[in-house]
Protein backbone atom coordinates (compact mmCIF):
# COMPACT_ATOMS: atom_id res chain seq x y z
CA MET A 1 19.28 0.73 -1.01
CA GLU A 2 18.21 -1.26 2.12
CA GLY A 3 20.20 0.90 4.32
CA GLY A 4 18.55 4.00 2.84
CA PRO A 5 16.56 7.20 5.08
CA ALA A 6 13.89 5.76 7.12
CA THR A 7 11.08 8.10 6.22
CA ASN A 8 8.89 10.10 8.88
CA ALA A 9 11.62 12.10 11.02
CA ASP A 10 8.53 12.78 13.83
CA PRO A 11 9.69 10.71 17.24
CA THR A 12 5.91 9.90 17.83
CA GLY A 13 5.60 7.94 14.95
CA SER A 14 5.30 4.39 16.00
CA TRP A 15 4.28 2.00 13.05
CA SER A 16 6.14 0.50 10.59
CA LEU A 17 4.56 -0.17 7.28
CA VAL A 18 5.22 -2.53 4.72
CA VAL A 19 4.48 -1.96 1.14
CA PRO A 20 4.78 -4.41 -1.64
CA LEU A 21 5.27 -3.90 -5.23
CA LYS A 22 5.56 -6.20 -7.84
CA PRO A 23 7.76 -5.64 -11.07
CA LEU A 24 5.99 -2.69 -12.68
CA VAL A 25 5.59 -4.41 -16.18
CA ARG A 26 3.49 -7.14 -14.48
CA ALA A 27 1.77 -4.51 -12.42
CA LYS A 28 -2.23 -3.59 -13.02
CA SER A 29 -2.79 -6.18 -15.30
CA ARG A 30 -6.82 -6.08 -14.75
CA LEU A 31 -6.53 -2.33 -16.10
CA ALA A 32 -6.05 -3.68 -19.54
CA GLY A 33 -9.48 -2.31 -20.48
CA ALA A 34 -8.71 1.33 -19.15
CA ALA A 35 -4.94 1.36 -20.04
CA GLY A 36 -2.68 -0.18 -22.44
CA PRO A 37 0.65 -2.36 -21.88
CA LEU A 38 2.75 1.02 -22.10
CA VAL A 39 0.37 3.21 -19.70
CA ARG A 40 -0.09 0.47 -17.03
CA PRO A 41 3.38 0.39 -15.79
CA ARG A 42 3.22 4.15 -15.34
CA LEU A 43 -0.04 4.44 -13.86
CA ALA A 44 1.33 1.70 -11.27
CA LEU A 45 4.21 3.55 -10.40
CA ALA A 46 2.24 6.88 -9.78
CA PHE A 47 -0.18 4.89 -7.54
CA ALA A 48 2.64 3.93 -5.77
CA GLN A 49 4.36 7.41 -5.53
CA ASP A 50 1.39 8.95 -4.19
CA THR A 51 0.66 5.90 -1.51
CA VAL A 52 4.19 6.10 -0.16
CA ALA A 53 4.29 9.87 0.02
CA ALA A 54 0.94 9.93 1.97
CA ALA A 55 2.45 6.92 4.07
CA VAL A 56 5.31 9.01 4.81
CA ALA A 57 3.50 11.88 5.89
CA CYS A 58 1.34 10.27 8.32
CA PRO A 59 2.19 11.45 11.74
CA ALA A 60 1.71 7.82 13.18
CA VAL A 61 3.99 6.06 10.57
CA ARG A 62 7.70 5.99 11.60
CA ASP A 63 9.16 4.31 8.46
CA VAL A 64 7.94 2.93 5.48
CA SER A 65 9.46 -0.03 3.65
CA VAL A 66 8.97 -1.11 0.25
CA VAL A 67 9.19 -4.66 -1.00
CA THR A 68 10.35 -4.66 -4.64
CA ASP A 69 12.64 -5.82 -7.10
CA ASP A 70 11.68 -3.37 -9.59
CA PRO A 71 14.52 -0.78 -10.36
CA VAL A 72 12.60 2.15 -11.70
CA ALA A 73 10.07 1.72 -8.57
CA ALA A 74 12.83 1.32 -5.87
CA LEU A 75 14.82 4.59 -7.00
CA THR A 76 11.70 6.42 -7.39
CA LEU A 77 10.11 5.32 -4.10
CA GLY A 78 13.57 5.42 -2.34
CA ALA A 79 13.46 9.09 -3.10
CA LEU A 80 10.44 9.62 -1.33
CA GLY A 81 12.04 8.40 1.81
CA ALA A 82 11.09 4.78 1.63
CA ARG A 83 13.31 1.95 2.68
CA ILE A 84 13.83 -0.28 -0.35
CA VAL A 85 13.83 -4.02 0.61
CA PRO A 86 14.47 -6.88 -2.06
CA ASP A 87 11.95 -9.52 -2.66
CA ALA A 88 14.45 -11.87 -1.78
CA PRO A 89 11.70 -15.01 -1.35
CA ALA A 90 10.29 -13.89 -4.82
CA ALA A 91 7.67 -16.42 -4.00
CA GLY A 92 4.62 -14.00 -4.45
CA LEU A 93 2.76 -11.42 -2.07
CA ASN A 94 2.24 -13.04 0.69
CA ALA A 95 5.81 -14.16 1.08
CA ALA A 96 6.96 -10.56 0.35
CA LEU A 97 4.96 -9.24 2.86
CA ALA A 98 6.25 -11.66 5.93
CA TYR A 99 10.00 -11.05 4.73
CA GLY A 100 9.31 -7.35 4.63
CA ALA A 101 7.60 -7.66 8.49
CA ARG A 102 10.65 -9.56 9.27
CA ALA A 103 13.11 -7.10 7.85
CA VAL A 104 11.41 -4.21 9.98
CA ARG A 105 11.61 -6.22 13.24
CA LEU A 106 15.33 -6.67 12.60
CA ARG A 107 15.70 -3.00 13.02
CA ARG A 108 12.92 -2.53 15.40
CA PRO A 109 12.06 -5.71 17.46
CA GLY A 110 9.17 -4.00 19.14
CA ALA A 111 7.68 -2.23 16.01
CA PRO A 112 3.92 -2.54 15.51
CA VAL A 113 3.78 -3.71 11.89
CA ALA A 114 1.23 -3.09 8.81
CA THR A 115 1.26 -3.77 5.34
CA LEU A 116 -0.64 -1.31 3.08
CA ASN A 117 -1.64 -2.05 -0.58
CA ALA A 118 0.79 -0.34 -3.11
CA ASP A 119 -2.39 0.99 -5.20
CA LEU A 120 -4.31 3.86 -2.73
CA PRO A 121 -3.73 6.70 -4.87
CA ALA A 122 -6.10 8.73 -2.75
CA LEU A 123 -4.72 8.14 0.59
CA ARG A 124 -4.90 10.58 2.91
CA PRO A 125 -2.43 10.77 5.77
CA GLU A 126 -4.87 11.63 8.64
CA GLU A 127 -7.40 8.54 7.56
CA LEU A 128 -4.47 6.53 7.66
CA SER A 129 -3.60 7.93 11.19
CA ARG A 130 -7.26 7.08 12.22
CA VAL A 131 -7.00 3.70 10.83
CA LEU A 132 -3.54 2.78 12.75
CA ALA A 133 -5.34 4.27 15.97
CA ALA A 134 -7.92 1.75 15.62
CA ALA A 135 -5.36 -1.15 14.75
CA SER A 136 -3.28 -0.46 17.81
CA GLU A 137 -6.34 -1.65 20.12
CA PHE A 138 -6.21 -5.21 19.01
CA PRO A 139 -3.28 -7.72 18.29
CA ARG A 140 -3.97 -8.17 14.58
CA SER A 141 -6.56 -6.36 12.72
CA PHE A 142 -7.33 -5.70 9.20
CA LEU A 143 -9.20 -3.07 6.94
CA ALA A 144 -11.43 -4.45 4.14
CA ASP A 145 -11.14 -2.77 0.45
CA ALA A 146 -14.38 -0.70 -0.70
CA ALA A 147 -15.65 -3.67 -2.24
CA GLU A 148 -15.56 -5.60 1.30
CA ILE A 149 -14.13 -8.51 -0.71
CA GLY A 150 -10.44 -7.59 -0.12
CA THR A 151 -8.21 -6.33 2.14
CA THR A 152 -5.94 -2.82 2.02
CA LEU A 153 -4.02 -3.11 5.65
CA LEU A 154 -3.30 -5.63 8.05
CA ALA A 155 -1.59 -4.97 10.90
CA ALA A 156 0.22 -6.50 13.81
CA ALA A 157 1.03 -5.40 17.22
CA PRO A 158 4.63 -5.66 18.67
CA GLY A 159 5.61 -9.43 19.21
CA VAL A 160 2.36 -10.54 16.95
CA GLU A 161 3.26 -12.53 13.68
CA LEU A 162 1.67 -10.72 10.79
CA ARG A 163 0.32 -13.79 9.10
CA PRO A 164 -0.79 -12.17 5.88
CA ALA A 165 -3.56 -13.69 3.67
CA PHE A 166 -3.92 -11.38 0.68
CA GLY A 167 -5.10 -12.28 -2.84
CA GLY A 168 -8.75 -12.30 -3.91
CA ALA A 169 -11.04 -12.99 -1.02
CA SER A 170 -8.38 -12.19 1.81
CA ARG A 171 -11.22 -10.48 3.95
CA ARG A 172 -12.90 -13.59 4.72
CA ARG A 173 -9.35 -15.29 5.22
CA HIS A 174 -7.93 -12.58 7.54
CA LEU A 175 -11.21 -12.94 9.57
CA LEU A 176 -10.93 -16.73 9.58
CA SER A 177 -7.48 -16.33 10.89
CA GLY A 178 -8.50 -14.40 14.06
CA ALA A 179 -7.84 -10.87 12.80
CA VAL A 180 -10.27 -8.28 13.55
CA GLU A 181 -11.69 -6.24 11.14
CA ILE A 182 -11.52 -2.41 11.47
CA GLN A 183 -14.85 -0.94 11.15
CA LEU A 184 -14.61 3.08 10.83
CA ASP A 185 -16.51 5.46 8.52
CA GLY A 186 -14.72 8.30 6.49
CA VAL A 187 -11.42 6.63 5.79
CA GLY A 188 -12.76 5.98 1.94
CA SER A 189 -9.02 6.56 0.91
CA VAL A 190 -7.34 3.71 3.17
CA ARG A 191 -10.37 1.21 1.44
CA ARG A 192 -10.06 2.53 -2.32
CA ASP A 193 -7.50 0.38 -4.00
CA VAL A 194 -7.58 0.56 -7.88
CA ASP A 195 -7.46 -2.81 -9.86
CA THR A 196 -9.86 -1.84 -12.50
CA GLY A 197 -10.88 1.18 -14.57
CA ASP A 198 -14.06 1.60 -12.55
CA ASP A 199 -12.10 1.71 -9.51
CA LEU A 200 -9.56 4.30 -11.07
CA ARG A 201 -12.56 6.19 -11.55
CA ALA A 202 -13.92 6.03 -8.50
CA ALA A 203 -10.48 7.30 -6.76
CA VAL A 204 -10.21 9.84 -9.00
CA GLU A 205 -13.65 11.14 -7.93
CA LEU A 206 -12.62 10.81 -4.41
CA GLY A 207 -9.35 12.61 -5.16
CA VAL A 208 -6.05 11.22 -6.02
CA GLY A 209 -2.77 12.36 -5.30
CA PRO A 210 -0.55 14.47 -7.64
CA ARG A 211 1.46 11.82 -9.52
CA THR A 212 -1.48 9.68 -10.37
CA ALA A 213 -3.62 12.85 -11.50
CA GLU A 214 -1.08 13.82 -13.99
CA ARG A 215 -0.22 10.58 -15.00
CA TRP A 216 -4.25 9.40 -15.22
CA ALA A 217 -4.31 13.02 -17.38
CA VAL A 218 -1.64 12.42 -19.87
CA ASP A 219 -1.78 9.01 -20.41
CA ALA A 220 -5.03 7.37 -19.44
CA GLY A 221 -7.04 10.10 -20.14
CA ALA A 222 -5.32 10.95 -23.58
CA ALA A 223 -6.16 7.21 -24.68
CA GLY A 224 -9.64 7.50 -24.20
CA GLY A 225 -9.47 4.90 -21.83
CA ALA A 226 -10.32 5.28 -17.74
CA GLY A 227 -11.86 8.49 -18.56
CA GLY A 228 -14.28 7.42 -20.74
């Protein structure tokens, strides 16, 4: 599936996005208080579907590569237009992101590359366009998450190494690495990742995509979890 279609056909789109997704059975463990072990993988896939669909629809994006070894996610996200890159390093999130960025630049040596979290179910293409436009002003830049602790997007200009440092307090690590923090109002959908039940409620209030809305209503809502 690595040689599949490359998303947005708009020739003006320049950015290549790399989206990491761990095997669904291990995804979103911090949602345990809001969703059971059978619900969490379905929610994680719905988050990723809405994230990838919005990224594909973003006019600033040329292509989207999803780094994953999950066969269900690969099939589902590939059908949305993502290029599937197997997680060959199998050495954690940052190794997967660096590998995905290298895979992009083997195809497009001059590509600006950005990583994007797979758990942004409220993502809006126009807000992502604004963030990428701001990122184009710097060699390396990032957008902090809504909690201002982590990172939802890390970008590198053509010829610049991505150097991802995701996980936990990644905002501070990316700052210390020399990346510029993108400061924009009105891009809450790009900052609203979902790790906990409170995050999910905030994303639903912001307005999630159709797959998350349906899955949350059917699974988590029916269980009285995240909607409680």
